[in-house]
């Protein structure tokens, strides 16, 4: 493991009970110091973020979007680790011709590394049954593919899912673990999004929430190759809401902490989100920019056609 990232906070926020206060709490950095390591030392290109210490910790393997990489989610991965969750993110299948099944296999390998060895200076370990898969865009579908293959996952988070080959929608019918599906209001019912279809196909319980004024590209940090297609950049608000919902969902299902029970409640209302409807993109206040939508759709379609 490498150097620590950021200071440790000794002021623990009091237990919050309402969805509003939970989002406010979890959108901020957690109480743990964070370490960053290189998965390549264990034979898997990628990164791992962990709390500075802790045994039998929960873990999640995170998959990146098309033409992105683990570095484009550093803030989100570090955020999860600050709340006590080990995060492993492969940096494979980053080119224009990715193998979605290959990245799904790498997610499983990343979890095997985390559960099979002591991390850091020997003061960090992962509970083999408290694991999950998550991903963004293409990686969201990849997380579903991985969960369908490895049934041990206790939760799956598909953030702004895009189509994959083979279809993540077909795979979702085999996923018994609880699912969180997030979609941007600008693209929830577009050709570029699998959110509604995944929700309909999911075998276990799934929650579909739409991020107000958010788009699928907003979660990515820093520069990415898709910039040349005119795809929009990072959205701070989308990142804050997504991090809060993802953190609460994982803590609820990987630690069984009743404090976060609202994150498994379909009727709970979280600020910055609303229930999905197929009319969302037609709302004039939330309509996507035509150039942005066309570029993003083209990118997803090229990714799907070229995948093998």
Foldseek 3Di string as FASTA:
>chain_A
DDDWDDDADPDADPQDAALAVLLVRLLDAARFIKDKDACVVVPFGWIKIAGPADEQFAEEEEEEAAQDAPVQQVVLRNRLRSNGYIYTYGGPQNDLQRALQVRLVSSVVRLCVQQVDQDDPNRYHHNNQLYAYEYAASRLLSRLVNCLVPVSHQEGEREQYFAAVVGSLVSQLSHAHEYEYEAELQDCQHNGGCRVSSCVRHNHHYAYKYFYLDHSQQSTHDDGPLVVLVADHHDSSVNSSVSSLVSLLSCCRSVVPVSSVVSSPNPRDHPRIDGDDNCSCVPPVNHDDVSNVVSSSVSSVSNRVSHD
